[in-house]
Amino acid sequence: MTAGEPGPPAEAEPEPAHDPAAPAPLNVPRVPTGDGDVDAGLGRLADADHLATDGHLEVYEDVHRGLRDALTALDVRPGAPAPAGRPPAAAQ
């Protein structure tokens, strides 16, 4: 072989075997809700895209806990409770 002559063909790298448990993004669109806590929880779901399936449970439980807390917070009314037996002023 002399200078300028092509060398032997380069060996092609073998295709990696498909591993169904390997991390793979789900590419599920996440639409902002306008609630910072809910949006942060939904954004956290993207963390599961980079984990093997056995790591998803921790992320899902964390997001579920945060969403449950956000829903529970909706039941908390600001201010003092209305006296018993008397409807709130707006309802009169």
C-alpha atoms as a PDB file:
ATOM      1  CA  MET A   1       0.000   0.000   0.000  1.00  0.00           C
ATOM      2  CA  THR A   2       1.396   3.383  -0.969  1.00  0.00           C
ATOM      3  CA  ALA A   3       0.548   6.889   0.171  1.00  0.00           C
ATOM      4  CA  GLY A   4      -2.773   8.044  -1.196  1.00  0.00           C
ATOM      5  CA  GLU A   5      -4.181   4.536  -1.591  1.00  0.00           C
ATOM      6  CA  PRO A   6      -7.234   3.762   0.474  1.00  0.00           C
ATOM      7  CA  GLY A   7      -6.601   1.505   3.393  1.00  0.00           C
ATOM      8  CA  PRO A   8      -8.670  -1.451   4.408  1.00  0.00           C
ATOM      9  CA  PRO A   9     -12.326  -0.631   5.118  1.00  0.00           C
ATOM     10  CA  ALA A  10     -12.950   0.449   8.687  1.00  0.00           C
ATOM     11  CA  GLU A  11     -14.918  -2.007  10.715  1.00  0.00           C
ATOM     12  CA  ALA A  12     -18.444  -0.809  11.387  1.00  0.00           C
ATOM     13  CA  GLU A  13     -19.312  -0.536  15.039  1.00  0.00           C
ATOM     14  CA  PRO A  14     -21.884  -3.134  16.017  1.00  0.00           C
ATOM     15  CA  GLU A  15     -25.405  -1.902  16.750  1.00  0.00           C
ATOM     16  CA  PRO A  16     -26.034  -1.891  20.502  1.00  0.00           C
ATOM     17  CA  ALA A  17     -28.497  -4.543  21.603  1.00  0.00           C
ATOM     18  CA  HIS A  18     -31.923  -3.184  22.492  1.00  0.00           C
ATOM     19  CA  ASP A  19     -32.353  -3.119  26.256  1.00  0.00           C
ATOM     20  CA  PRO A  20     -36.028  -2.567  27.159  1.00  0.00           C
ATOM     21  CA  ALA A  21     -35.061  -1.626  30.729  1.00  0.00           C
ATOM     22  CA  ALA A  22     -32.599   1.052  29.624  1.00  0.00           C
ATOM     23  CA  PRO A  23     -33.559   4.691  30.275  1.00  0.00           C
ATOM     24  CA  ALA A  24     -35.574   6.214  27.452  1.00  0.00           C
ATOM     25  CA  PRO A  25     -37.562   9.453  27.336  1.00  0.00           C
ATOM     26  CA  LEU A  26     -41.314   8.959  27.079  1.00  0.00           C
ATOM     27  CA  ASN A  27     -41.689  12.259  25.225  1.00  0.00           C
ATOM     28  CA  VAL A  28     -45.011  12.983  26.907  1.00  0.00           C
ATOM     29  CA  PRO A  29     -45.850  16.672  26.498  1.00  0.00           C
ATOM     30  CA  ARG A  30     -46.276  18.583  29.749  1.00  0.00           C
ATOM     31  CA  VAL A  31     -48.580  21.578  29.485  1.00  0.00           C
ATOM     32  CA  PRO A  32     -48.108  24.286  32.145  1.00  0.00           C
ATOM     33  CA  THR A  33     -51.067  24.558  34.525  1.00  0.00           C
ATOM     34  CA  GLY A  34     -50.296  28.008  35.884  1.00  0.00           C
ATOM     35  CA  ASP A  35     -49.831  26.657  39.413  1.00  0.00           C
ATOM     36  CA  GLY A  36     -46.148  26.732  40.359  1.00  0.00           C
ATOM     37  CA  ASP A  37     -46.275  23.727  42.701  1.00  0.00           C
ATOM     38  CA  VAL A  38     -48.192  21.566  40.224  1.00  0.00           C
ATOM     39  CA  ASP A  39     -45.949  22.593  37.328  1.00  0.00           C
ATOM     40  CA  ALA A  40     -42.840  21.780  39.367  1.00  0.00           C
ATOM     41  CA  GLY A  41     -44.234  18.336  40.172  1.00  0.00           C
ATOM     42  CA  LEU A  42     -45.094  17.645  36.555  1.00  0.00           C
ATOM     43  CA  GLY A  43     -41.652  18.866  35.533  1.00  0.00           C
ATOM     44  CA  ARG A  44     -40.131  16.383  37.978  1.00  0.00           C
ATOM     45  CA  LEU A  45     -41.630  13.578  35.882  1.00  0.00           C
ATOM     46  CA  ALA A  46     -38.881  14.296  33.335  1.00  0.00           C
ATOM     47  CA  ASP A  47     -36.410  12.894  35.878  1.00  0.00           C
ATOM     48  CA  ALA A  48     -37.834   9.436  35.180  1.00  0.00           C
ATOM     49  CA  ASP A  49     -36.723   9.752  31.534  1.00  0.00           C
ATOM     50  CA  HIS A  50     -33.106   9.316  32.612  1.00  0.00           C
ATOM     51  CA  LEU A  51     -33.643   6.403  35.008  1.00  0.00           C
ATOM     52  CA  ALA A  52     -33.991   2.690  34.473  1.00  0.00           C
ATOM     53  CA  THR A  53     -37.509   1.442  35.116  1.00  0.00           C
ATOM     54  CA  ASP A  54     -36.657   0.335  38.642  1.00  0.00           C
ATOM     55  CA  GLY A  55     -35.981   4.002  39.529  1.00  0.00           C
ATOM     56  CA  HIS A  56     -39.338   5.328  38.287  1.00  0.00           C
ATOM     57  CA  LEU A  57     -41.314   4.425  41.401  1.00  0.00           C
ATOM     58  CA  GLU A  58     -39.463   6.888  43.631  1.00  0.00           C
ATOM     59  CA  VAL A  59     -40.080   9.736  41.162  1.00  0.00           C
ATOM     60  CA  TYR A  60     -43.763   8.846  40.697  1.00  0.00           C
ATOM     61  CA  GLU A  61     -44.357   8.610  44.457  1.00  0.00           C
ATOM     62  CA  ASP A  62     -42.651  11.971  45.005  1.00  0.00           C
ATOM     63  CA  VAL A  63     -44.761  13.646  42.296  1.00  0.00           C
ATOM     64  CA  HIS A  64     -47.943  12.012  43.624  1.00  0.00           C
ATOM     65  CA  ARG A  65     -47.191  13.275  47.132  1.00  0.00           C
ATOM     66  CA  GLY A  66     -46.644  16.820  45.831  1.00  0.00           C
ATOM     67  CA  LEU A  67     -49.849  16.801  43.760  1.00  0.00           C
ATOM     68  CA  ARG A  68     -51.818  15.421  46.709  1.00  0.00           C
ATOM     69  CA  ASP A  69     -50.423  18.211  48.919  1.00  0.00           C
ATOM     70  CA  ALA A  70     -51.423  20.813  46.300  1.00  0.00           C
ATOM     71  CA  LEU A  71     -54.980  19.440  46.228  1.00  0.00           C
ATOM     72  CA  THR A  72     -55.162  19.362  50.020  1.00  0.00           C
ATOM     73  CA  ALA A  73     -54.052  22.994  50.129  1.00  0.00           C
ATOM     74  CA  LEU A  74     -57.125  23.913  48.065  1.00  0.00           C
ATOM     75  CA  ASP A  75     -59.315  22.823  50.996  1.00  0.00           C
ATOM     76  CA  VAL A  76     -57.596  25.248  53.373  1.00  0.00           C
ATOM     77  CA  ARG A  77     -59.568  28.477  53.481  1.00  0.00           C
ATOM     78  CA  PRO A  78     -57.698  31.658  54.312  1.00  0.00           C
ATOM     79  CA  GLY A  79     -58.854  33.680  57.300  1.00  0.00           C
ATOM     80  CA  ALA A  80     -60.847  32.723  60.358  1.00  0.00           C
ATOM     81  CA  PRO A  81     -63.648  30.175  60.007  1.00  0.00           C
ATOM     82  CA  ALA A  82     -67.223  31.515  59.943  1.00  0.00           C
ATOM     83  CA  PRO A  83     -69.123  31.194  63.230  1.00  0.00           C
ATOM     84  CA  ALA A  84     -71.264  28.058  63.409  1.00  0.00           C
ATOM     85  CA  GLY A  85     -74.963  28.520  62.636  1.00  0.00           C
ATOM     86  CA  ARG A  86     -74.494  31.692  60.610  1.00  0.00           C
ATOM     87  CA  PRO A  87     -73.880  31.628  56.832  1.00  0.00           C
ATOM     88  CA  PRO A  88     -70.921  33.594  55.468  1.00  0.00           C
ATOM     89  CA  ALA A  89     -71.682  37.247  54.607  1.00  0.00           C
ATOM     90  CA  ALA A  90     -71.429  36.641  50.845  1.00  0.00           C
ATOM     91  CA  ALA A  91     -74.161  33.997  50.985  1.00  0.00           C
ATOM     92  CA  GLN A  92     -76.738  36.233  52.717  1.00  0.00           C
END
